[in-house]
Amino acid sequence: MRSIILVTLLAVTIFAQQSQNPSPMVEHTRAHPRLKQETPPGRREKLELGTLFIPENLKSKPRLPLFIHFHGGVWLPEVAAARAGNTAVISIQLGAGSSVYAKPFADQKLFERLIAEAESRAGVKFSPITLTAWSAGYGAIREILKTPENYSRVDRVLLIDGLHTGYVSGKPGPQESEIETDNLQIFLRFARDAVAGRKRMIVTHSEIFPGTFASTTETADWLLGQLGLKRRAVVRWGPMQTQQLSEARQGGFLLVGFAGNSAPDHVDQLHSLPDYLRWFK
């Protein structure tokens, strides 16, 4: 028996020391539908950063809703805005990695200039303002919210499978991982305001485990722990034939967990953007 235990412990140790492989790029257990790439009719204005799009079907008013989307291309947020029918959008695509999105907004005045330029070009005021990001785009939202004036102006935040941070030791586990929380504090503050009904916030996550940095599941668990909220297990279809497994909801805060640990599962959530925008209603 002793030898069996030693062999088992050795096997577990060796397994724990193995490096994490990337999430698979294919997944065949269910369909992964995609939005059709198209150019919806409407008005487009190039800005200092990104492109403003006002859908043709958006009724002209002195004040219009606006969401600013980070990462995931330009056409997809425009399709989402056209389908929503009640909002303009600024699409910002800068490249790969959260630092690419965070760096421009180290200039604390950039967000203010961006909104002012968009309002000048459109001839309207934008309100409410929603920040949305998929994957690495969360880096921009983090930096924007750190500036008090920006924080006050942002009404809603949507994080699509993209709230990440590092590990304190530089690597996970092997069981419960200790994650770095400094860069999560501004999201926690916004989440608390959402729970209290002062803001609106939606956070979604998959089951992808990157290995070299904290997963969206781990950051979601930390966020819920800080808020004192617990998940409710659910089994139902979500947008784009995703499979929802859990949710936590209080006040203006909603966190939703989906099945899937592959790249297609990650992209499913990006293509669910039009549905997530409707959830704010």
C-alpha atoms as a PDB file:
ATOM      1  CA  MET A   1       0.000   0.000   0.000  1.00  0.00           C
ATOM      2  CA  ARG A   2       2.833   2.397   0.903  1.00  0.00           C
ATOM      3  CA  SER A   3       4.487   1.855  -2.481  1.00  0.00           C
ATOM      4  CA  ILE A   4       1.185   2.483  -4.278  1.00  0.00           C
ATOM      5  CA  ILE A   5       0.731   5.786  -2.417  1.00  0.00           C
ATOM      6  CA  LEU A   6       4.297   6.863  -3.246  1.00  0.00           C
ATOM      7  CA  VAL A   7       3.838   6.029  -6.925  1.00  0.00           C
ATOM      8  CA  THR A   8       0.537   7.944  -6.976  1.00  0.00           C
ATOM      9  CA  LEU A   9       2.084  11.002  -5.322  1.00  0.00           C
ATOM     10  CA  LEU A  10       4.992  10.894  -7.767  1.00  0.00           C
ATOM     11  CA  ALA A  11       2.584  10.746 -10.721  1.00  0.00           C
ATOM     12  CA  VAL A  12       0.594  13.694  -9.374  1.00  0.00           C
ATOM     13  CA  THR A  13       3.801  15.692  -8.844  1.00  0.00           C
ATOM     14  CA  ILE A  14       5.038  15.012 -12.368  1.00  0.00           C
ATOM     15  CA  PHE A  15       1.639  15.918 -13.807  1.00  0.00           C
ATOM     16  CA  ALA A  16       1.529  19.162 -11.817  1.00  0.00           C
ATOM     17  CA  GLN A  17       4.950  20.155 -13.129  1.00  0.00           C
ATOM     18  CA  GLN A  18       3.941  19.790 -16.766  1.00  0.00           C
ATOM     19  CA  SER A  19       3.510  23.056 -18.629  1.00  0.00           C
ATOM     20  CA  GLN A  20       0.036  24.055 -19.772  1.00  0.00           C
ATOM     21  CA  ASN A  21      -0.698  23.488 -23.433  1.00  0.00           C
ATOM     22  CA  PRO A  22      -2.713  26.069 -25.409  1.00  0.00           C
ATOM     23  CA  SER A  23      -6.460  25.580 -25.594  1.00  0.00           C
ATOM     24  CA  PRO A  24      -7.404  23.493 -28.667  1.00  0.00           C
ATOM     25  CA  MET A  25      -8.217  25.400 -31.839  1.00  0.00           C
ATOM     26  CA  VAL A  26     -11.017  23.005 -32.841  1.00  0.00           C
ATOM     27  CA  GLU A  27     -14.038  21.663 -30.982  1.00  0.00           C
ATOM     28  CA  HIS A  28     -16.617  19.293 -32.420  1.00  0.00           C
ATOM     29  CA  THR A  29     -19.104  18.571 -29.612  1.00  0.00           C
ATOM     30  CA  ARG A  30     -21.532  21.290 -30.719  1.00  0.00           C
ATOM     31  CA  ALA A  31     -22.056  23.848 -33.462  1.00  0.00           C
ATOM     32  CA  HIS A  32     -20.244  27.183 -33.323  1.00  0.00           C
ATOM     33  CA  PRO A  33     -22.370  29.583 -35.386  1.00  0.00           C
ATOM     34  CA  ARG A  34     -20.908  32.931 -36.390  1.00  0.00           C
ATOM     35  CA  LEU A  35     -22.330  36.304 -37.263  1.00  0.00           C
ATOM     36  CA  LYS A  36     -22.087  37.131 -40.943  1.00  0.00           C
ATOM     37  CA  GLN A  37     -19.461  39.748 -41.708  1.00  0.00           C
ATOM     38  CA  GLU A  38     -21.196  42.704 -43.289  1.00  0.00           C
ATOM     39  CA  THR A  39     -21.122  46.485 -43.486  1.00  0.00           C
ATOM     40  CA  PRO A  40     -24.403  47.788 -42.062  1.00  0.00           C
ATOM     41  CA  PRO A  41     -25.686  51.031 -43.610  1.00  0.00           C
ATOM     42  CA  GLY A  42     -24.987  54.124 -41.573  1.00  0.00           C
ATOM     43  CA  ARG A  43     -22.558  56.935 -40.950  1.00  0.00           C
ATOM     44  CA  ARG A  44     -18.884  56.353 -40.156  1.00  0.00           C
ATOM     45  CA  GLU A  45     -16.328  58.817 -38.815  1.00  0.00           C
ATOM     46  CA  LYS A  46     -12.630  58.072 -38.268  1.00  0.00           C
ATOM     47  CA  LEU A  47     -11.519  59.318 -34.874  1.00  0.00           C
ATOM     48  CA  GLU A  48      -8.181  59.858 -33.152  1.00  0.00           C
ATOM     49  CA  LEU A  49      -8.627  56.270 -32.011  1.00  0.00           C
ATOM     50  CA  GLY A  50     -11.146  53.937 -33.608  1.00  0.00           C
ATOM     51  CA  THR A  51     -14.187  54.506 -35.802  1.00  0.00           C
ATOM     52  CA  LEU A  52     -17.547  55.968 -34.824  1.00  0.00           C
ATOM     53  CA  PHE A  53     -20.544  54.240 -36.428  1.00  0.00           C
ATOM     54  CA  ILE A  54     -24.106  55.559 -36.249  1.00  0.00           C
ATOM     55  CA  PRO A  55     -26.520  52.993 -37.709  1.00  0.00           C
ATOM     56  CA  GLU A  56     -28.916  54.190 -40.379  1.00  0.00           C
ATOM     57  CA  ASN A  57     -31.885  52.904 -38.368  1.00  0.00           C
ATOM     58  CA  LEU A  58     -30.898  54.892 -35.266  1.00  0.00           C
ATOM     59  CA  LYS A  59     -33.354  57.751 -34.836  1.00  0.00           C
ATOM     60  CA  SER A  60     -31.663  61.136 -34.605  1.00  0.00           C
ATOM     61  CA  LYS A  61     -31.945  62.673 -31.140  1.00  0.00           C
ATOM     62  CA  PRO A  62     -29.996  65.353 -29.232  1.00  0.00           C
ATOM     63  CA  ARG A  63     -28.731  62.561 -26.945  1.00  0.00           C
ATOM     64  CA  LEU A  64     -27.855  59.031 -28.082  1.00  0.00           C
ATOM     65  CA  PRO A  65     -26.575  55.912 -26.299  1.00  0.00           C
ATOM     66  CA  LEU A  66     -23.008  54.900 -27.157  1.00  0.00           C
ATOM     67  CA  PHE A  67     -20.905  51.836 -26.523  1.00  0.00           C
ATOM     68  CA  ILE A  68     -17.177  51.655 -27.102  1.00  0.00           C
ATOM     69  CA  HIS A  69     -15.909  48.191 -27.967  1.00  0.00           C
ATOM     70  CA  PHE A  70     -12.312  47.029 -27.595  1.00  0.00           C
ATOM     71  CA  HIS A  71     -10.863  44.039 -29.492  1.00  0.00           C
ATOM     72  CA  GLY A  72     -12.567  41.714 -31.917  1.00  0.00           C
ATOM     73  CA  GLY A  73     -12.520  43.722 -35.135  1.00  0.00           C
ATOM     74  CA  VAL A  74     -14.538  46.676 -36.403  1.00  0.00           C
ATOM     75  CA  TRP A  75     -17.377  45.071 -38.357  1.00  0.00           C
ATOM     76  CA  LEU A  76     -18.736  42.919 -35.544  1.00  0.00           C
ATOM     77  CA  PRO A  77     -19.463  45.790 -33.078  1.00  0.00           C
ATOM     78  CA  GLU A  78     -21.082  47.670 -35.967  1.00  0.00           C
ATOM     79  CA  VAL A  79     -23.335  44.692 -36.703  1.00  0.00           C
ATOM     80  CA  ALA A  80     -24.175  44.538 -32.993  1.00  0.00           C
ATOM     81  CA  ALA A  81     -25.075  48.246 -32.956  1.00  0.00           C
ATOM     82  CA  ALA A  82     -27.248  47.888 -36.063  1.00  0.00           C
ATOM     83  CA  ARG A  83     -29.069  44.908 -34.564  1.00  0.00           C
ATOM     84  CA  ALA A  84     -29.581  46.687 -31.254  1.00  0.00           C
ATOM     85  CA  GLY A  85     -31.164  49.583 -33.129  1.00  0.00           C
ATOM     86  CA  ASN A  86     -30.766  52.051 -30.278  1.00  0.00           C
ATOM     87  CA  THR A  87     -27.057  52.822 -29.980  1.00  0.00           C
ATOM     88  CA  ALA A  88     -24.007  54.183 -31.748  1.00  0.00           C
ATOM     89  CA  VAL A  89     -20.618  52.489 -31.363  1.00  0.00           C
ATOM     90  CA  ILE A  90     -16.927  53.309 -31.444  1.00  0.00           C
ATOM     91  CA  SER A  91     -14.945  50.233 -32.505  1.00  0.00           C
ATOM     92  CA  ILE A  92     -11.303  50.083 -31.408  1.00  0.00           C
ATOM     93  CA  GLN A  93      -9.042  47.304 -32.679  1.00  0.00           C
ATOM     94  CA  LEU A  94      -5.375  47.699 -31.701  1.00  0.00           C
ATOM     95  CA  GLY A  95      -3.819  44.228 -31.832  1.00  0.00           C
ATOM     96  CA  ALA A  96      -3.088  41.398 -29.404  1.00  0.00           C
ATOM     97  CA  GLY A  97      -2.452  41.531 -25.668  1.00  0.00           C
ATOM     98  CA  SER A  98      -4.052  43.600 -22.906  1.00  0.00           C
ATOM     99  CA  SER A  99      -1.041  45.946 -22.688  1.00  0.00           C
ATOM    100  CA  VAL A 100      -1.670  47.052 -26.289  1.00  0.00           C
ATOM    101  CA  TYR A 101      -5.093  48.295 -25.204  1.00  0.00           C
ATOM    102  CA  ALA A 102      -4.003  49.693 -21.856  1.00  0.00           C
ATOM    103  CA  LYS A 103      -1.050  51.729 -23.136  1.00  0.00           C
ATOM    104  CA  PRO A 104      -2.936  54.478 -25.081  1.00  0.00           C
ATOM    105  CA  PHE A 105      -5.181  55.177 -22.089  1.00  0.00           C
ATOM    106  CA  ALA A 106      -2.228  55.830 -19.834  1.00  0.00           C
ATOM    107  CA  ASP A 107      -2.958  59.280 -21.269  1.00  0.00           C
ATOM    108  CA  GLN A 108      -5.720  60.153 -18.810  1.00  0.00           C
ATOM    109  CA  LYS A 109      -7.223  62.708 -21.192  1.00  0.00           C
ATOM    110  CA  LEU A 110      -7.561  60.368 -24.185  1.00  0.00           C
ATOM    111  CA  PHE A 111     -10.990  59.026 -23.223  1.00  0.00           C
ATOM    112  CA  GLU A 112     -12.339  62.540 -22.694  1.00  0.00           C
ATOM    113  CA  ARG A 113     -10.946  63.643 -26.082  1.00  0.00           C
ATOM    114  CA  LEU A 114     -12.386  60.576 -27.768  1.00  0.00           C
ATOM    115  CA  ILE A 115     -15.905  61.256 -26.527  1.00  0.00           C
ATOM    116  CA  ALA A 116     -15.644  64.986 -27.311  1.00  0.00           C
ATOM    117  CA  GLU A 117     -14.443  64.268 -30.856  1.00  0.00           C
ATOM    118  CA  ALA A 118     -17.222  61.734 -31.440  1.00  0.00           C
ATOM    119  CA  GLU A 119     -19.859  64.178 -30.168  1.00  0.00           C
ATOM    120  CA  SER A 120     -18.470  66.955 -32.360  1.00  0.00           C
ATOM    121  CA  ARG A 121     -18.477  64.770 -35.483  1.00  0.00           C
ATOM    122  CA  ALA A 122     -21.972  63.430 -34.786  1.00  0.00           C
ATOM    123  CA  GLY A 123     -23.484  66.693 -33.602  1.00  0.00           C
ATOM    124  CA  VAL A 124     -25.080  64.974 -30.579  1.00  0.00           C
ATOM    125  CA  LYS A 125     -24.339  64.216 -26.952  1.00  0.00           C
ATOM    126  CA  PHE A 126     -23.686  60.578 -26.033  1.00  0.00           C
ATOM    127  CA  SER A 127     -25.336  59.119 -22.955  1.00  0.00           C
ATOM    128  CA  PRO A 128     -25.424  56.586 -21.449  1.00  0.00           C
ATOM    129  CA  ILE A 129     -21.894  55.377 -22.210  1.00  0.00           C
ATOM    130  CA  THR A 130     -21.102  51.664 -22.121  1.00  0.00           C
ATOM    131  CA  LEU A 131     -17.631  50.110 -22.326  1.00  0.00           C
ATOM    132  CA  THR A 132     -17.456  46.609 -23.809  1.00  0.00           C
ATOM    133  CA  ALA A 133     -14.426  44.379 -24.348  1.00  0.00           C
ATOM    134  CA  TRP A 134     -13.682  40.878 -25.481  1.00  0.00           C
ATOM    135  CA  SER A 135     -10.573  39.030 -24.331  1.00  0.00           C
ATOM    136  CA  ALA A 136      -7.525  41.333 -24.187  1.00  0.00           C
ATOM    137  CA  GLY A 137      -9.635  44.465 -24.678  1.00  0.00           C
ATOM    138  CA  TYR A 138     -10.263  44.600 -20.926  1.00  0.00           C
ATOM    139  CA  GLY A 139      -6.885  46.358 -20.577  1.00  0.00           C
ATOM    140  CA  ALA A 140      -8.366  49.535 -22.068  1.00  0.00           C
ATOM    141  CA  ILE A 141     -11.384  49.496 -19.756  1.00  0.00           C
ATOM    142  CA  ARG A 142      -9.144  49.036 -16.719  1.00  0.00           C
ATOM    143  CA  GLU A 143      -7.086  52.105 -17.574  1.00  0.00           C
ATOM    144  CA  ILE A 144     -10.104  54.235 -18.494  1.00  0.00           C
ATOM    145  CA  LEU A 145     -11.869  53.534 -15.207  1.00  0.00           C
ATOM    146  CA  LYS A 146      -8.809  54.437 -13.154  1.00  0.00           C
ATOM    147  CA  THR A 147      -9.395  58.125 -13.976  1.00  0.00           C
ATOM    148  CA  PRO A 148     -12.155  59.469 -11.670  1.00  0.00           C
ATOM    149  CA  GLU A 149     -13.733  61.691 -14.343  1.00  0.00           C
ATOM    150  CA  ASN A 150     -13.964  58.750 -16.720  1.00  0.00           C
ATOM    151  CA  TYR A 151     -15.349  56.457 -14.036  1.00  0.00           C
ATOM    152  CA  SER A 152     -18.142  58.925 -13.335  1.00  0.00           C
ATOM    153  CA  ARG A 153     -19.096  59.154 -17.000  1.00  0.00           C
ATOM    154  CA  VAL A 154     -19.206  55.398 -17.697  1.00  0.00           C
ATOM    155  CA  ASP A 155     -22.624  53.913 -16.918  1.00  0.00           C
ATOM    156  CA  ARG A 156     -22.161  50.290 -17.930  1.00  0.00           C
ATOM    157  CA  VAL A 157     -19.351  47.768 -18.440  1.00  0.00           C
ATOM    158  CA  LEU A 158     -19.431  44.458 -20.329  1.00  0.00           C
ATOM    159  CA  LEU A 159     -16.438  42.103 -20.022  1.00  0.00           C
ATOM    160  CA  ILE A 160     -16.684  39.193 -22.480  1.00  0.00           C
ATOM    161  CA  ASP A 161     -14.505  36.257 -21.396  1.00  0.00           C
ATOM    162  CA  GLY A 162     -11.642  38.645 -20.782  1.00  0.00           C
ATOM    163  CA  LEU A 163     -10.940  39.505 -17.148  1.00  0.00           C
ATOM    164  CA  HIS A 164      -7.399  38.286 -16.542  1.00  0.00           C
ATOM    165  CA  THR A 165      -4.520  38.877 -14.151  1.00  0.00           C
ATOM    166  CA  GLY A 166      -1.254  37.227 -13.176  1.00  0.00           C
ATOM    167  CA  TYR A 167      -0.344  34.630 -10.546  1.00  0.00           C
ATOM    168  CA  VAL A 168       1.484  35.795  -7.421  1.00  0.00           C
ATOM    169  CA  SER A 169       4.060  33.007  -7.800  1.00  0.00           C
ATOM    170  CA  GLY A 170       4.140  33.314 -11.571  1.00  0.00           C
ATOM    171  CA  LYS A 171       2.363  29.995 -12.029  1.00  0.00           C
ATOM    172  CA  PRO A 172      -0.941  28.380 -11.025  1.00  0.00           C
ATOM    173  CA  GLY A 173      -1.974  25.910  -8.375  1.00  0.00           C
ATOM    174  CA  PRO A 174      -1.548  23.053  -8.200  1.00  0.00           C
ATOM    175  CA  GLN A 175      -4.977  23.467  -6.576  1.00  0.00           C
ATOM    176  CA  GLU A 176      -6.298  26.866  -5.463  1.00  0.00           C
ATOM    177  CA  SER A 177      -4.182  29.530  -7.177  1.00  0.00           C
ATOM    178  CA  GLU A 178      -3.177  32.834  -5.603  1.00  0.00           C
ATOM    179  CA  ILE A 179      -3.864  35.545  -8.150  1.00  0.00           C
ATOM    180  CA  GLU A 180      -2.598  39.105  -8.360  1.00  0.00           C
ATOM    181  CA  THR A 181      -5.433  41.441  -7.458  1.00  0.00           C
ATOM    182  CA  ASP A 182      -4.023  44.974  -7.868  1.00  0.00           C
ATOM    183  CA  ASN A 183      -5.262  45.262 -11.454  1.00  0.00           C
ATOM    184  CA  LEU A 184      -8.660  43.843 -10.487  1.00  0.00           C
ATOM    185  CA  GLN A 185      -9.495  46.451  -7.858  1.00  0.00           C
ATOM    186  CA  ILE A 186     -11.053  48.958 -10.265  1.00  0.00           C
ATOM    187  CA  PHE A 187     -13.349  46.223 -11.634  1.00  0.00           C
ATOM    188  CA  LEU A 188     -14.292  45.255  -8.099  1.00  0.00           C
ATOM    189  CA  ARG A 189     -15.210  48.869  -7.356  1.00  0.00           C
ATOM    190  CA  PHE A 190     -17.400  49.033 -10.466  1.00  0.00           C
ATOM    191  CA  ALA A 191     -18.991  45.679  -9.574  1.00  0.00           C
ATOM    192  CA  ARG A 192     -19.834  46.953  -6.087  1.00  0.00           C
ATOM    193  CA  ASP A 193     -21.450  50.033  -7.595  1.00  0.00           C
ATOM    194  CA  ALA A 194     -23.417  47.747  -9.907  1.00  0.00           C
ATOM    195  CA  VAL A 195     -24.585  45.561  -7.015  1.00  0.00           C
ATOM    196  CA  ALA A 196     -25.729  48.759  -5.280  1.00  0.00           C
ATOM    197  CA  GLY A 197     -27.631  49.827  -8.406  1.00  0.00           C
ATOM    198  CA  ARG A 198     -25.422  52.805  -9.222  1.00  0.00           C
ATOM    199  CA  LYS A 199     -23.895  51.157 -12.338  1.00  0.00           C
ATOM    200  CA  ARG A 200     -24.596  48.184 -14.622  1.00  0.00           C
ATOM    201  CA  MET A 201     -22.040  45.420 -15.171  1.00  0.00           C
ATOM    202  CA  ILE A 202     -22.057  42.105 -17.032  1.00  0.00           C
ATOM    203  CA  VAL A 203     -19.144  39.649 -16.808  1.00  0.00           C
ATOM    204  CA  THR A 204     -19.005  36.417 -18.823  1.00  0.00           C
ATOM    205  CA  HIS A 205     -16.426  33.652 -18.728  1.00  0.00           C
ATOM    206  CA  SER A 206     -15.591  30.293 -20.272  1.00  0.00           C
ATOM    207  CA  GLU A 207     -13.700  27.335 -18.796  1.00  0.00           C
ATOM    208  CA  ILE A 208     -10.467  28.047 -20.674  1.00  0.00           C
ATOM    209  CA  PHE A 209      -7.343  27.661 -18.523  1.00  0.00           C
ATOM    210  CA  PRO A 210      -4.426  29.599 -20.095  1.00  0.00           C
ATOM    211  CA  GLY A 211      -1.878  28.350 -17.570  1.00  0.00           C
ATOM    212  CA  THR A 212       0.555  31.260 -17.852  1.00  0.00           C
ATOM    213  CA  PHE A 213      -1.927  33.779 -16.396  1.00  0.00           C
ATOM    214  CA  ALA A 214      -5.162  33.578 -14.422  1.00  0.00           C
ATOM    215  CA  SER A 215      -8.245  32.340 -16.226  1.00  0.00           C
ATOM    216  CA  THR A 216     -11.509  34.224 -16.453  1.00  0.00           C
ATOM    217  CA  THR A 217     -13.011  31.555 -14.183  1.00  0.00           C
ATOM    218  CA  GLU A 218     -10.465  32.322 -11.457  1.00  0.00           C
ATOM    219  CA  THR A 219     -10.960  36.080 -11.686  1.00  0.00           C
ATOM    220  CA  ALA A 220     -14.740  35.591 -11.689  1.00  0.00           C
ATOM    221  CA  ASP A 221     -14.489  33.443  -8.556  1.00  0.00           C
ATOM    222  CA  TRP A 222     -12.369  36.118  -6.868  1.00  0.00           C
ATOM    223  CA  LEU A 223     -14.825  38.839  -7.848  1.00  0.00           C
ATOM    224  CA  LEU A 224     -17.782  36.895  -6.464  1.00  0.00           C
ATOM    225  CA  GLY A 225     -15.884  36.170  -3.256  1.00  0.00           C
ATOM    226  CA  GLN A 226     -15.162  39.857  -2.725  1.00  0.00           C
ATOM    227  CA  LEU A 227     -18.797  40.735  -3.414  1.00  0.00           C
ATOM    228  CA  GLY A 228     -20.107  38.022  -1.113  1.00  0.00           C
ATOM    229  CA  LEU A 229     -22.137  36.476  -3.930  1.00  0.00           C
ATOM    230  CA  LYS A 230     -22.554  32.818  -4.849  1.00  0.00           C
ATOM    231  CA  ARG A 231     -23.146  31.227  -8.216  1.00  0.00           C
ATOM    232  CA  ARG A 232     -26.427  29.550  -9.059  1.00  0.00           C
ATOM    233  CA  ALA A 233     -26.044  26.433 -11.169  1.00  0.00           C
ATOM    234  CA  VAL A 234     -28.082  26.490 -14.384  1.00  0.00           C
ATOM    235  CA  VAL A 235     -28.145  24.354 -17.508  1.00  0.00           C
ATOM    236  CA  ARG A 236     -29.546  26.139 -20.533  1.00  0.00           C
ATOM    237  CA  TRP A 237     -28.717  27.362 -24.012  1.00  0.00           C
ATOM    238  CA  GLY A 238     -27.100  30.767 -24.246  1.00  0.00           C
ATOM    239  CA  PRO A 239     -26.469  33.075 -27.221  1.00  0.00           C
ATOM    240  CA  MET A 240     -24.902  31.536 -30.354  1.00  0.00           C
ATOM    241  CA  GLN A 241     -25.691  28.029 -29.047  1.00  0.00           C
ATOM    242  CA  THR A 242     -23.373  28.460 -26.066  1.00  0.00           C
ATOM    243  CA  GLN A 243     -24.098  26.344 -23.000  1.00  0.00           C
ATOM    244  CA  GLN A 244     -24.638  28.317 -19.818  1.00  0.00           C
ATOM    245  CA  LEU A 245     -23.625  26.589 -16.596  1.00  0.00           C
ATOM    246  CA  SER A 246     -23.946  29.219 -13.873  1.00  0.00           C
ATOM    247  CA  GLU A 247     -24.866  32.771 -12.985  1.00  0.00           C
ATOM    248  CA  ALA A 248     -24.757  35.237 -10.111  1.00  0.00           C
ATOM    249  CA  ARG A 249     -26.995  38.267 -10.071  1.00  0.00           C
ATOM    250  CA  GLN A 250     -27.652  41.140  -7.710  1.00  0.00           C
ATOM    251  CA  GLY A 251     -28.752  44.716  -8.353  1.00  0.00           C
ATOM    252  CA  GLY A 252     -27.213  45.837 -11.643  1.00  0.00           C
ATOM    253  CA  PHE A 253     -24.529  43.123 -11.576  1.00  0.00           C
ATOM    254  CA  LEU A 254     -24.640  39.904 -13.611  1.00  0.00           C
ATOM    255  CA  LEU A 255     -21.949  37.233 -13.956  1.00  0.00           C
ATOM    256  CA  VAL A 256     -22.524  34.320 -16.331  1.00  0.00           C
ATOM    257  CA  GLY A 257     -20.396  31.187 -16.734  1.00  0.00           C
ATOM    258  CA  PHE A 258     -20.365  29.163 -19.964  1.00  0.00           C
ATOM    259  CA  ALA A 259     -19.051  25.700 -20.838  1.00  0.00           C
ATOM    260  CA  GLY A 260     -16.066  25.286 -23.125  1.00  0.00           C
ATOM    261  CA  ASN A 261     -12.274  25.270 -22.948  1.00  0.00           C
ATOM    262  CA  SER A 262     -11.336  25.743 -26.592  1.00  0.00           C
ATOM    263  CA  ALA A 263     -10.647  28.687 -28.872  1.00  0.00           C
ATOM    264  CA  PRO A 264     -14.033  28.315 -30.657  1.00  0.00           C
ATOM    265  CA  ASP A 265     -15.767  28.571 -27.271  1.00  0.00           C
ATOM    266  CA  HIS A 266     -13.899  31.824 -26.641  1.00  0.00           C
ATOM    267  CA  VAL A 267     -14.943  33.255 -30.022  1.00  0.00           C
ATOM    268  CA  ASP A 268     -18.557  32.158 -29.460  1.00  0.00           C
ATOM    269  CA  GLN A 269     -18.789  34.773 -26.745  1.00  0.00           C
ATOM    270  CA  LEU A 270     -17.477  37.557 -28.992  1.00  0.00           C
ATOM    271  CA  HIS A 271     -20.180  36.754 -31.545  1.00  0.00           C
ATOM    272  CA  SER A 272     -22.748  36.905 -28.729  1.00  0.00           C
ATOM    273  CA  LEU A 273     -22.152  40.659 -28.354  1.00  0.00           C
ATOM    274  CA  PRO A 274     -25.565  41.680 -29.819  1.00  0.00           C
ATOM    275  CA  ASP A 275     -27.324  39.454 -27.277  1.00  0.00           C
ATOM    276  CA  TYR A 276     -25.255  40.705 -24.353  1.00  0.00           C
ATOM    277  CA  LEU A 277     -26.142  44.301 -25.237  1.00  0.00           C
ATOM    278  CA  ARG A 278     -29.820  43.365 -25.053  1.00  0.00           C
ATOM    279  CA  TRP A 279     -29.253  41.938 -21.579  1.00  0.00           C
ATOM    280  CA  PHE A 280     -28.628  45.481 -20.334  1.00  0.00           C
ATOM    281  CA  LYS A 281     -32.266  46.288 -21.091  1.00  0.00           C
END
